[in-house]
Amino acid sequence: MTDPVLPRRRLLIGAAGVAASGLAGVGTIPSAQAAPGGTGTSHRRPALWEIARCNGLVFGSSTATWQLSDPGYARLFDAQAEIVFTEDDLLWYRVKPTPDSPLDFSYGDQIV
């Protein structure tokens, strides 16, 4: 039987390697933007999605509504991930918790 955690760990390690190689100059990464008022440039670290895109990848992450209720986490998630996946907000136990209950997509709608 295959360990389901192992492929996810390999994916995360691979993503970290891509990010590190991007920071090392393998890809062309946008690293500066004009400062407000046109007074030169302000350097910023590229977002993970920018590093991935420069290396031909799409970087995303999964989240749940309870995680996005933290404003700091929501800002970080919005800045770093280009694509979003729901964790458990569209699973059957959320969408239709009992056989008689109506379909409820409100949790997934909050993420979308």
PDB file of N, CA and C in Angstrom:
ATOM      1  N   MET A   1       0.837  -1.173   0.000  1.00  0.00           N
ATOM      2  CA  MET A   1       0.000   0.000   0.000  1.00  0.00           C
ATOM      3  C   MET A   1       0.883   1.238   0.000  1.00  0.00           C
ATOM      4  N   THR A   2       0.530   2.247  -0.790  1.00  0.00           N
ATOM      5  CA  THR A   2       1.315   3.464  -0.904  1.00  0.00           C
ATOM      6  C   THR A   2       0.935   4.450   0.191  1.00  0.00           C
ATOM      7  N   ASP A   3       1.939   5.099   0.744  1.00  0.00           N
ATOM      8  CA  ASP A   3       1.706   6.115   1.768  1.00  0.00           C
ATOM      9  C   ASP A   3       1.190   7.387   1.096  1.00  0.00           C
ATOM     10  N   PRO A   4      -0.048   7.851   1.386  1.00  0.00           N
ATOM     11  CA  PRO A   4      -0.602   9.022   0.712  1.00  0.00           C
ATOM     12  C   PRO A   4       0.104  10.318   1.089  1.00  0.00           C
ATOM     13  N   VAL A   5       0.815  10.342   2.209  1.00  0.00           N
ATOM     14  CA  VAL A   5       1.506  11.554   2.632  1.00  0.00           C
ATOM     15  C   VAL A   5       2.793  11.737   1.836  1.00  0.00           C
ATOM     16  N   LEU A   6       3.429  10.663   1.443  1.00  0.00           N
ATOM     17  CA  LEU A   6       4.708  10.744   0.755  1.00  0.00           C
ATOM     18  C   LEU A   6       4.636  11.543  -0.541  1.00  0.00           C
ATOM     19  N   PRO A   7       3.667  11.303  -1.443  1.00  0.00           N
ATOM     20  CA  PRO A   7       3.630  12.115  -2.659  1.00  0.00           C
ATOM     21  C   PRO A   7       3.444  13.606  -2.370  1.00  0.00           C
ATOM     22  N   ARG A   8       2.656  13.952  -1.362  1.00  0.00           N
ATOM     23  CA  ARG A   8       2.464  15.367  -1.016  1.00  0.00           C
ATOM     24  C   ARG A   8       3.771  15.967  -0.518  1.00  0.00           C
ATOM     25  N   ARG A   9       4.498  15.208   0.284  1.00  0.00           N
ATOM     26  CA  ARG A   9       5.796  15.704   0.762  1.00  0.00           C
ATOM     27  C   ARG A   9       6.759  15.894  -0.391  1.00  0.00           C
ATOM     28  N   ARG A  10       6.771  14.956  -1.325  1.00  0.00           N
ATOM     29  CA  ARG A  10       7.636  15.101  -2.496  1.00  0.00           C
ATOM     30  C   ARG A  10       7.259  16.347  -3.293  1.00  0.00           C
ATOM     31  N   LEU A  11       5.975  16.598  -3.428  1.00  0.00           N
ATOM     32  CA  LEU A  11       5.512  17.776  -4.145  1.00  0.00           C
ATOM     33  C   LEU A  11       5.969  19.047  -3.439  1.00  0.00           C
ATOM     34  N   LEU A  12       5.823  19.095  -2.119  1.00  0.00           N
ATOM     35  CA  LEU A  12       6.243  20.273  -1.371  1.00  0.00           C
ATOM     36  C   LEU A  12       7.747  20.474  -1.445  1.00  0.00           C
ATOM     37  N   ILE A  13       8.495  19.398  -1.370  1.00  0.00           N
ATOM     38  CA  ILE A  13       9.950  19.500  -1.479  1.00  0.00           C
ATOM     39  C   ILE A  13      10.330  19.991  -2.877  1.00  0.00           C
ATOM     40  N   GLY A  14       9.642  19.461  -3.890  1.00  0.00           N
ATOM     41  CA  GLY A  14       9.902  19.917  -5.256  1.00  0.00           C
ATOM     42  C   GLY A  14       9.570  21.382  -5.439  1.00  0.00           C
ATOM     43  N   ALA A  15       8.450  21.829  -4.852  1.00  0.00           N
ATOM     44  CA  ALA A  15       8.066  23.241  -4.942  1.00  0.00           C
ATOM     45  C   ALA A  15       9.099  24.120  -4.254  1.00  0.00           C
ATOM     46  N   ALA A  16       9.601  23.659  -3.119  1.00  0.00           N
ATOM     47  CA  ALA A  16      10.634  24.428  -2.425  1.00  0.00           C
ATOM     48  C   ALA A  16      11.902  24.501  -3.268  1.00  0.00           C
ATOM     49  N   GLY A  17      12.229  23.414  -3.948  1.00  0.00           N
ATOM     50  CA  GLY A  17      13.399  23.417  -4.827  1.00  0.00           C
ATOM     51  C   GLY A  17      13.235  24.378  -5.986  1.00  0.00           C
ATOM     52  N   VAL A  18      12.035  24.415  -6.564  1.00  0.00           N
ATOM     53  CA  VAL A  18      11.770  25.354  -7.655  1.00  0.00           C
ATOM     54  C   VAL A  18      11.892  26.782  -7.157  1.00  0.00           C
ATOM     55  N   ALA A  19      11.329  27.050  -5.986  1.00  0.00           N
ATOM     56  CA  ALA A  19      11.417  28.394  -5.416  1.00  0.00           C
ATOM     57  C   ALA A  19      12.869  28.772  -5.149  1.00  0.00           C
ATOM     58  N   ALA A  20      13.639  27.843  -4.604  1.00  0.00           N
ATOM     59  CA  ALA A  20      15.039  28.123  -4.324  1.00  0.00           C
ATOM     60  C   ALA A  20      15.825  28.346  -5.610  1.00  0.00           C
ATOM     61  N   SER A  21      15.552  27.551  -6.626  1.00  0.00           N
ATOM     62  CA  SER A  21      16.276  27.736  -7.883  1.00  0.00           C
ATOM     63  C   SER A  21      15.892  29.059  -8.531  1.00  0.00           C
ATOM     64  N   GLY A  22      14.631  29.457  -8.371  1.00  0.00           N
ATOM     65  CA  GLY A  22      14.204  30.748  -8.898  1.00  0.00           C
ATOM     66  C   GLY A  22      14.905  31.884  -8.193  1.00  0.00           C
ATOM     67  N   LEU A  23      15.048  31.774  -6.883  1.00  0.00           N
ATOM     68  CA  LEU A  23      15.744  32.810  -6.134  1.00  0.00           C
ATOM     69  C   LEU A  23      17.228  32.826  -6.442  1.00  0.00           C
ATOM     70  N   ALA A  24      17.758  31.690  -6.887  1.00  0.00           N
ATOM     71  CA  ALA A  24      19.171  31.614  -7.222  1.00  0.00           C
ATOM     72  C   ALA A  24      19.453  32.151  -8.618  1.00  0.00           C
ATOM     73  N   GLY A  25      18.413  32.527  -9.357  1.00  0.00           N
ATOM     74  CA  GLY A  25      18.627  33.142 -10.654  1.00  0.00           C
ATOM     75  C   GLY A  25      18.438  32.220 -11.831  1.00  0.00           C
ATOM     76  N   VAL A  26      17.841  31.054 -11.642  1.00  0.00           N
ATOM     77  CA  VAL A  26      17.627  30.136 -12.754  1.00  0.00           C
ATOM     78  C   VAL A  26      16.617  30.708 -13.735  1.00  0.00           C
ATOM     79  N   GLY A  27      15.535  31.274 -13.228  1.00  0.00           N
ATOM     80  CA  GLY A  27      14.507  31.870 -14.075  1.00  0.00           C
ATOM     81  C   GLY A  27      14.577  33.380 -14.017  1.00  0.00           C
ATOM     82  N   THR A  28      13.852  34.040 -14.882  1.00  0.00           N
ATOM     83  CA  THR A  28      13.748  35.481 -14.832  1.00  0.00           C
ATOM     84  C   THR A  28      12.614  35.814 -13.891  1.00  0.00           C
ATOM     85  N   ILE A  29      12.928  36.500 -12.828  1.00  0.00           N
ATOM     86  CA  ILE A  29      11.945  36.772 -11.792  1.00  0.00           C
ATOM     87  C   ILE A  29      11.801  38.278 -11.631  1.00  0.00           C
ATOM     88  N   PRO A  30      10.582  38.788 -11.666  1.00  0.00           N
ATOM     89  CA  PRO A  30      10.413  40.206 -11.388  1.00  0.00           C
ATOM     90  C   PRO A  30      10.828  40.489  -9.956  1.00  0.00           C
ATOM     91  N   SER A  31      11.767  41.396  -9.741  1.00  0.00           N
ATOM     92  CA  SER A  31      12.263  41.604  -8.391  1.00  0.00           C
ATOM     93  C   SER A  31      12.149  43.038  -7.914  1.00  0.00           C
ATOM     94  N   ALA A  32      11.752  43.948  -8.785  1.00  0.00           N
ATOM     95  CA  ALA A  32      11.632  45.332  -8.355  1.00  0.00           C
ATOM     96  C   ALA A  32      10.389  45.933  -8.975  1.00  0.00           C
ATOM     97  N   GLN A  33       9.843  46.897  -8.277  1.00  0.00           N
ATOM     98  CA  GLN A  33       8.701  47.612  -8.810  1.00  0.00           C
ATOM     99  C   GLN A  33       8.894  49.092  -8.521  1.00  0.00           C
ATOM    100  N   ALA A  34       8.272  49.914  -9.298  1.00  0.00           N
ATOM    101  CA  ALA A  34       8.416  51.352  -9.087  1.00  0.00           C
ATOM    102  C   ALA A  34       7.844  51.742  -7.732  1.00  0.00           C
ATOM    103  N   ALA A  35       8.561  52.595  -7.057  1.00  0.00           N
ATOM    104  CA  ALA A  35       8.087  53.078  -5.765  1.00  0.00           C
ATOM    105  C   ALA A  35       6.994  54.116  -5.990  1.00  0.00           C
ATOM    106  N   PRO A  36       6.081  54.255  -5.050  1.00  0.00           N
ATOM    107  CA  PRO A  36       5.040  55.264  -5.203  1.00  0.00           C
ATOM    108  C   PRO A  36       5.654  56.646  -5.366  1.00  0.00           C
ATOM    109  N   GLY A  37       5.093  57.421  -6.269  1.00  0.00           N
ATOM    110  CA  GLY A  37       5.588  58.771  -6.502  1.00  0.00           C
ATOM    111  C   GLY A  37       6.755  58.825  -7.457  1.00  0.00           C
ATOM    112  N   GLY A  38       7.185  57.702  -8.000  1.00  0.00           N
ATOM    113  CA  GLY A  38       8.271  57.691  -8.983  1.00  0.00           C
ATOM    114  C   GLY A  38       9.623  58.059  -8.414  1.00  0.00           C
ATOM    115  N   THR A  39       9.872  57.775  -7.159  1.00  0.00           N
ATOM    116  CA  THR A  39      11.143  58.144  -6.529  1.00  0.00           C
ATOM    117  C   THR A  39      12.116  56.984  -6.509  1.00  0.00           C
ATOM    118  N   GLY A  40      12.269  56.300  -7.621  1.00  0.00           N
ATOM    119  CA  GLY A  40      13.196  55.175  -7.667  1.00  0.00           C
ATOM    120  C   GLY A  40      12.454  53.862  -7.626  1.00  0.00           C
ATOM    121  N   THR A  41      13.135  52.836  -7.146  1.00  0.00           N
ATOM    122  CA  THR A  41      12.513  51.520  -7.067  1.00  0.00           C
ATOM    123  C   THR A  41      12.554  51.022  -5.640  1.00  0.00           C
ATOM    124  N   SER A  42      11.609  50.209  -5.324  1.00  0.00           N
ATOM    125  CA  SER A  42      11.627  49.518  -4.036  1.00  0.00           C
ATOM    126  C   SER A  42      11.726  48.037  -4.346  1.00  0.00           C
ATOM    127  N   HIS A  43      12.664  47.372  -3.741  1.00  0.00           N
ATOM    128  CA  HIS A  43      12.853  45.947  -4.004  1.00  0.00           C
ATOM    129  C   HIS A  43      11.943  45.143  -3.100  1.00  0.00           C
ATOM    130  N   ARG A  44      11.394  44.101  -3.659  1.00  0.00           N
ATOM    131  CA  ARG A  44      10.547  43.198  -2.909  1.00  0.00           C
ATOM    132  C   ARG A  44      10.888  41.794  -3.328  1.00  0.00           C
ATOM    133  N   ARG A  45      10.621  40.877  -2.456  1.00  0.00           N
ATOM    134  CA  ARG A  45      10.797  39.476  -2.818  1.00  0.00           C
ATOM    135  C   ARG A  45       9.652  39.076  -3.729  1.00  0.00           C
ATOM    136  N   PRO A  46       9.935  38.293  -4.753  1.00  0.00           N
ATOM    137  CA  PRO A  46       8.839  37.834  -5.612  1.00  0.00           C
ATOM    138  C   PRO A  46       7.949  36.853  -4.865  1.00  0.00           C
ATOM    139  N   ALA A  47       6.686  36.882  -5.207  1.00  0.00           N
ATOM    140  CA  ALA A  47       5.736  35.942  -4.612  1.00  0.00           C
ATOM    141  C   ALA A  47       6.028  34.536  -5.123  1.00  0.00           C
ATOM    142  N   LEU A  48       5.597  33.546  -4.380  1.00  0.00           N
ATOM    143  CA  LEU A  48       5.828  32.158  -4.791  1.00  0.00           C
ATOM    144  C   LEU A  48       5.198  31.873  -6.153  1.00  0.00           C
ATOM    145  N   TRP A  49       4.014  32.445  -6.430  1.00  0.00           N
ATOM    146  CA  TRP A  49       3.380  32.207  -7.726  1.00  0.00           C
ATOM    147  C   TRP A  49       4.215  32.812  -8.850  1.00  0.00           C
ATOM    148  N   GLU A  50       4.924  33.927  -8.611  1.00  0.00           N
ATOM    149  CA  GLU A  50       5.765  34.528  -9.640  1.00  0.00           C
ATOM    150  C   GLU A  50       6.982  33.659  -9.929  1.00  0.00           C
ATOM    151  N   ILE A  51       7.571  33.145  -8.884  1.00  0.00           N
ATOM    152  CA  ILE A  51       8.734  32.255  -9.057  1.00  0.00           C
ATOM    153  C   ILE A  51       8.319  31.015  -9.838  1.00  0.00           C
ATOM    154  N   ALA A  52       7.197  30.446  -9.455  1.00  0.00           N
ATOM    155  CA  ALA A  52       6.718  29.245 -10.146  1.00  0.00           C
ATOM    156  C   ALA A  52       6.427  29.547 -11.613  1.00  0.00           C
ATOM    157  N   ARG A  53       5.740  30.646 -11.891  1.00  0.00           N
ATOM    158  CA  ARG A  53       5.377  30.984 -13.272  1.00  0.00           C
ATOM    159  C   ARG A  53       6.629  31.161 -14.140  1.00  0.00           C
ATOM    160  N   CYS A  54       7.662  31.771 -13.588  1.00  0.00           N
ATOM    161  CA  CYS A  54       8.898  31.962 -14.342  1.00  0.00           C
ATOM    162  C   CYS A  54       9.584  30.636 -14.657  1.00  0.00           C
ATOM    163  N   ASN A  55       9.201  29.601 -13.959  1.00  0.00           N
ATOM    164  CA  ASN A  55       9.764  28.274 -14.191  1.00  0.00           C
ATOM    165  C   ASN A  55       8.755  27.342 -14.848  1.00  0.00           C
ATOM    166  N   GLY A  56       7.700  27.906 -15.430  1.00  0.00           N
ATOM    167  CA  GLY A  56       6.723  27.118 -16.167  1.00  0.00           C
ATOM    168  C   GLY A  56       5.736  26.352 -15.309  1.00  0.00           C
ATOM    169  N   LEU A  57       5.550  26.785 -14.079  1.00  0.00           N
ATOM    170  CA  LEU A  57       4.643  26.093 -13.160  1.00  0.00           C
ATOM    171  C   LEU A  57       3.559  27.046 -12.667  1.00  0.00           C
ATOM    172  N   VAL A  58       2.501  26.481 -12.145  1.00  0.00           N
ATOM    173  CA  VAL A  58       1.469  27.254 -11.469  1.00  0.00           C
ATOM    174  C   VAL A  58       1.533  26.878 -10.001  1.00  0.00           C
ATOM    175  N   PHE A  59       1.639  27.877  -9.136  1.00  0.00           N
ATOM    176  CA  PHE A  59       1.710  27.614  -7.705  1.00  0.00           C
ATOM    177  C   PHE A  59       0.389  27.976  -7.059  1.00  0.00           C
ATOM    178  N   GLY A  60      -0.142  27.056  -6.298  1.00  0.00           N
ATOM    179  CA  GLY A  60      -1.377  27.300  -5.573  1.00  0.00           C
ATOM    180  C   GLY A  60      -1.332  26.608  -4.235  1.00  0.00           C
ATOM    181  N   SER A  61      -2.414  26.748  -3.518  1.00  0.00           N
ATOM    182  CA  SER A  61      -2.492  26.136  -2.204  1.00  0.00           C
ATOM    183  C   SER A  61      -3.955  25.865  -1.880  1.00  0.00           C
ATOM    184  N   SER A  62      -4.159  25.061  -0.873  1.00  0.00           N
ATOM    185  CA  SER A  62      -5.525  24.802  -0.426  1.00  0.00           C
ATOM    186  C   SER A  62      -5.769  25.569   0.862  1.00  0.00           C
ATOM    187  N   THR A  63      -7.020  25.885   1.076  1.00  0.00           N
ATOM    188  CA  THR A  63      -7.384  26.594   2.290  1.00  0.00           C
ATOM    189  C   THR A  63      -8.817  26.248   2.661  1.00  0.00           C
ATOM    190  N   ALA A  64      -9.193  26.629   3.853  1.00  0.00           N
ATOM    191  CA  ALA A  64     -10.558  26.418   4.349  1.00  0.00           C
ATOM    192  C   ALA A  64     -11.093  27.741   4.869  1.00  0.00           C
ATOM    193  N   THR A  65     -12.397  27.849   4.940  1.00  0.00           N
ATOM    194  CA  THR A  65     -13.007  29.109   5.362  1.00  0.00           C
ATOM    195  C   THR A  65     -12.526  29.540   6.743  1.00  0.00           C
ATOM    196  N   TRP A  66     -12.337  28.605   7.647  1.00  0.00           N
ATOM    197  CA  TRP A  66     -11.897  28.988   8.987  1.00  0.00           C
ATOM    198  C   TRP A  66     -10.488  29.571   8.969  1.00  0.00           C
ATOM    199  N   GLN A  67      -9.653  29.179   8.010  1.00  0.00           N
ATOM    200  CA  GLN A  67      -8.309  29.740   7.910  1.00  0.00           C
ATOM    201  C   GLN A  67      -8.349  31.165   7.358  1.00  0.00           C
ATOM    202  N   LEU A  68      -9.223  31.396   6.391  1.00  0.00           N
ATOM    203  CA  LEU A  68      -9.300  32.715   5.769  1.00  0.00           C
ATOM    204  C   LEU A  68      -9.960  33.754   6.660  1.00  0.00           C
ATOM    205  N   SER A  69     -10.519  33.326   7.789  1.00  0.00           N
ATOM    206  CA  SER A  69     -11.099  34.292   8.723  1.00  0.00           C
ATOM    207  C   SER A  69     -10.008  35.087   9.443  1.00  0.00           C
ATOM    208  N   ASP A  70      -8.762  34.633   9.380  1.00  0.00           N
ATOM    209  CA  ASP A  70      -7.625  35.365   9.937  1.00  0.00           C
ATOM    210  C   ASP A  70      -7.137  36.347   8.870  1.00  0.00           C
ATOM    211  N   PRO A  71      -7.282  37.663   9.069  1.00  0.00           N
ATOM    212  CA  PRO A  71      -6.926  38.636   8.034  1.00  0.00           C
ATOM    213  C   PRO A  71      -5.465  38.562   7.579  1.00  0.00           C
ATOM    214  N   GLY A  72      -4.557  38.307   8.504  1.00  0.00           N
ATOM    215  CA  GLY A  72      -3.140  38.201   8.145  1.00  0.00           C
ATOM    216  C   GLY A  72      -2.879  37.012   7.230  1.00  0.00           C
ATOM    217  N   TYR A  73      -3.479  35.880   7.580  1.00  0.00           N
ATOM    218  CA  TYR A  73      -3.328  34.685   6.751  1.00  0.00           C
ATOM    219  C   TYR A  73      -3.976  34.897   5.389  1.00  0.00           C
ATOM    220  N   ALA A  74      -5.148  35.528   5.367  1.00  0.00           N
ATOM    221  CA  ALA A  74      -5.846  35.763   4.102  1.00  0.00           C
ATOM    222  C   ALA A  74      -5.000  36.640   3.182  1.00  0.00           C
ATOM    223  N   ARG A  75      -4.354  37.682   3.720  1.00  0.00           N
ATOM    224  CA  ARG A  75      -3.481  38.545   2.901  1.00  0.00           C
ATOM    225  C   ARG A  75      -2.285  37.767   2.371  1.00  0.00           C
ATOM    226  N   LEU A  76      -1.665  36.967   3.229  1.00  0.00           N
ATOM    227  CA  LEU A  76      -0.517  36.164   2.818  1.00  0.00           C
ATOM    228  C   LEU A  76      -0.915  35.172   1.737  1.00  0.00           C
ATOM    229  N   PHE A  77      -2.020  34.498   1.939  1.00  0.00           N
ATOM    230  CA  PHE A  77      -2.511  33.524   0.964  1.00  0.00           C
ATOM    231  C   PHE A  77      -2.791  34.201  -0.370  1.00  0.00           C
ATOM    232  N   ASP A  78      -3.446  35.352  -0.331  1.00  0.00           N
ATOM    233  CA  ASP A  78      -3.786  36.083  -1.543  1.00  0.00           C
ATOM    234  C   ASP A  78      -2.530  36.526  -2.294  1.00  0.00           C
ATOM    235  N   ALA A  79      -1.495  36.911  -1.573  1.00  0.00           N
ATOM    236  CA  ALA A  79      -0.268  37.388  -2.206  1.00  0.00           C
ATOM    237  C   ALA A  79       0.580  36.261  -2.783  1.00  0.00           C
ATOM    238  N   GLN A  80       0.554  35.072  -2.179  1.00  0.00           N
ATOM    239  CA  GLN A  80       1.496  34.021  -2.560  1.00  0.00           C
ATOM    240  C   GLN A  80       0.933  32.954  -3.494  1.00  0.00           C
ATOM    241  N   ALA A  81      -0.361  32.718  -3.462  1.00  0.00           N
ATOM    242  CA  ALA A  81      -0.947  31.626  -4.246  1.00  0.00           C
ATOM    243  C   ALA A  81      -1.675  32.178  -5.469  1.00  0.00           C
ATOM    244  N   GLU A  82      -1.423  31.555  -6.612  1.00  0.00           N
ATOM    245  CA  GLU A  82      -2.084  31.977  -7.846  1.00  0.00           C
ATOM    246  C   GLU A  82      -3.379  31.219  -8.076  1.00  0.00           C
ATOM    247  N   ILE A  83      -3.472  30.041  -7.511  1.00  0.00           N
ATOM    248  CA  ILE A  83      -4.671  29.225  -7.680  1.00  0.00           C
ATOM    249  C   ILE A  83      -5.047  28.669  -6.313  1.00  0.00           C
ATOM    250  N   VAL A  84      -6.338  28.544  -6.065  1.00  0.00           N
ATOM    251  CA  VAL A  84      -6.805  28.107  -4.756  1.00  0.00           C
ATOM    252  C   VAL A  84      -7.617  26.823  -4.887  1.00  0.00           C
ATOM    253  N   PHE A  85      -7.463  25.969  -3.911  1.00  0.00           N
ATOM    254  CA  PHE A  85      -8.239  24.730  -3.810  1.00  0.00           C
ATOM    255  C   PHE A  85      -8.916  24.736  -2.453  1.00  0.00           C
ATOM    256  N   THR A  86     -10.111  24.211  -2.386  1.00  0.00           N
ATOM    257  CA  THR A  86     -10.770  24.101  -1.085  1.00  0.00           C
ATOM    258  C   THR A  86     -10.254  22.856  -0.372  1.00  0.00           C
ATOM    259  N   GLU A  87     -10.143  22.949   0.934  1.00  0.00           N
ATOM    260  CA  GLU A  87      -9.722  21.776   1.704  1.00  0.00           C
ATOM    261  C   GLU A  87     -10.921  20.877   1.975  1.00  0.00           C
ATOM    262  N   ASP A  88     -11.814  21.313   2.831  1.00  0.00           N
ATOM    263  CA  ASP A  88     -12.962  20.464   3.166  1.00  0.00           C
ATOM    264  C   ASP A  88     -14.297  21.164   2.952  1.00  0.00           C
ATOM    265  N   ASP A  89     -14.283  22.376   2.456  1.00  0.00           N
ATOM    266  CA  ASP A  89     -15.519  23.149   2.333  1.00  0.00           C
ATOM    267  C   ASP A  89     -16.439  22.669   1.220  1.00  0.00           C
ATOM    268  N   LEU A  90     -15.950  21.857   0.320  1.00  0.00           N
ATOM    269  CA  LEU A  90     -16.806  21.285  -0.720  1.00  0.00           C
ATOM    270  C   LEU A  90     -16.906  19.763  -0.608  1.00  0.00           C
ATOM    271  N   LEU A  91     -16.496  19.225   0.531  1.00  0.00           N
ATOM    272  CA  LEU A  91     -16.660  17.794   0.752  1.00  0.00           C
ATOM    273  C   LEU A  91     -18.110  17.493   1.132  1.00  0.00           C
ATOM    274  N   TRP A  92     -18.490  16.264   0.918  1.00  0.00           N
ATOM    275  CA  TRP A  92     -19.884  15.871   1.076  1.00  0.00           C
ATOM    276  C   TRP A  92     -20.428  16.186   2.461  1.00  0.00           C
ATOM    277  N   TYR A  93     -19.635  16.003   3.516  1.00  0.00           N
ATOM    278  CA  TYR A  93     -20.149  16.237   4.868  1.00  0.00           C
ATOM    279  C   TYR A  93     -20.482  17.709   5.102  1.00  0.00           C
ATOM    280  N   ARG A  94     -19.912  18.623   4.300  1.00  0.00           N
ATOM    281  CA  ARG A  94     -20.250  20.047   4.378  1.00  0.00           C
ATOM    282  C   ARG A  94     -21.419  20.381   3.445  1.00  0.00           C
ATOM    283  N   VAL A  95     -21.374  19.823   2.247  1.00  0.00           N
ATOM    284  CA  VAL A  95     -22.378  20.148   1.226  1.00  0.00           C
ATOM    285  C   VAL A  95     -23.742  19.549   1.565  1.00  0.00           C
ATOM    286  N   LYS A  96     -23.760  18.326   2.067  1.00  0.00           N
ATOM    287  CA  LYS A  96     -25.014  17.653   2.414  1.00  0.00           C
ATOM    288  C   LYS A  96     -24.757  16.789   3.642  1.00  0.00           C
ATOM    289  N   PRO A  97     -24.790  17.402   4.824  1.00  0.00           N
ATOM    290  CA  PRO A  97     -24.395  16.686   6.031  1.00  0.00           C
ATOM    291  C   PRO A  97     -25.299  15.516   6.417  1.00  0.00           C
ATOM    292  N   THR A  98     -26.563  15.554   6.040  1.00  0.00           N
ATOM    293  CA  THR A  98     -27.469  14.443   6.322  1.00  0.00           C
ATOM    294  C   THR A  98     -28.231  14.108   5.046  1.00  0.00           C
ATOM    295  N   PRO A  99     -28.758  12.894   4.949  1.00  0.00           N
ATOM    296  CA  PRO A  99     -29.485  12.516   3.731  1.00  0.00           C
ATOM    297  C   PRO A  99     -30.680  13.428   3.428  1.00  0.00           C
ATOM    298  N   ASP A 100     -31.277  14.000   4.448  1.00  0.00           N
ATOM    299  CA  ASP A 100     -32.466  14.831   4.253  1.00  0.00           C
ATOM    300  C   ASP A 100     -32.161  16.323   4.126  1.00  0.00           C
ATOM    301  N   SER A 101     -30.946  16.725   4.377  1.00  0.00           N
ATOM    302  CA  SER A 101     -30.642  18.158   4.330  1.00  0.00           C
ATOM    303  C   SER A 101     -30.502  18.640   2.882  1.00  0.00           C
ATOM    304  N   PRO A 102     -30.817  19.907   2.649  1.00  0.00           N
ATOM    305  CA  PRO A 102     -30.640  20.453   1.302  1.00  0.00           C
ATOM    306  C   PRO A 102     -29.149  20.663   1.021  1.00  0.00           C
ATOM    307  N   LEU A 103     -28.793  20.771  -0.242  1.00  0.00           N
ATOM    308  CA  LEU A 103     -27.408  21.050  -0.603  1.00  0.00           C
ATOM    309  C   LEU A 103     -27.025  22.432  -0.099  1.00  0.00           C
ATOM    310  N   ASP A 104     -25.840  22.527   0.488  1.00  0.00           N
ATOM    311  CA  ASP A 104     -25.368  23.788   1.055  1.00  0.00           C
ATOM    312  C   ASP A 104     -23.960  24.073   0.543  1.00  0.00           C
ATOM    313  N   PHE A 105     -23.846  24.984  -0.394  1.00  0.00           N
ATOM    314  CA  PHE A 105     -22.551  25.343  -0.959  1.00  0.00           C
ATOM    315  C   PHE A 105     -21.993  26.629  -0.337  1.00  0.00           C
ATOM    316  N   SER A 106     -22.566  27.076   0.761  1.00  0.00           N
ATOM    317  CA  SER A 106     -22.173  28.365   1.342  1.00  0.00           C
ATOM    318  C   SER A 106     -20.698  28.397   1.777  1.00  0.00           C
ATOM    319  N   TYR A 107     -20.168  27.279   2.267  1.00  0.00           N
ATOM    320  CA  TYR A 107     -18.757  27.264   2.669  1.00  0.00           C
ATOM    321  C   TYR A 107     -17.846  27.414   1.451  1.00  0.00           C
ATOM    322  N   GLY A 108     -18.099  26.658   0.423  1.00  0.00           N
ATOM    323  CA  GLY A 108     -17.319  26.778  -0.803  1.00  0.00           C
ATOM    324  C   GLY A 108     -17.478  28.139  -1.451  1.00  0.00           C
ATOM    325  N   ASP A 109     -18.671  28.703  -1.385  1.00  0.00           N
ATOM    326  CA  ASP A 109     -18.921  30.031  -1.964  1.00  0.00           C
ATOM    327  C   ASP A 109     -18.068  31.100  -1.279  1.00  0.00           C
ATOM    328  N   GLN A 110     -17.786  30.935   0.003  1.00  0.00           N
ATOM    329  CA  GLN A 110     -16.958  31.914   0.712  1.00  0.00           C
ATOM    330  C   GLN A 110     -15.542  31.939   0.153  1.00  0.00           C
ATOM    331  N   ILE A 111     -15.046  30.801  -0.278  1.00  0.00           N
ATOM    332  CA  ILE A 111     -13.699  30.752  -0.836  1.00  0.00           C
ATOM    333  C   ILE A 111     -13.688  31.285  -2.262  1.00  0.00           C
ATOM    334  N   VAL A 112     -14.685  30.899  -3.023  1.00  0.00           N
ATOM    335  CA  VAL A 112     -14.761  31.357  -4.415  1.00  0.00           C
ATOM    336  C   VAL A 112     -14.987  32.855  -4.432  1.00  0.00           C
TER     337      VAL A 112
END
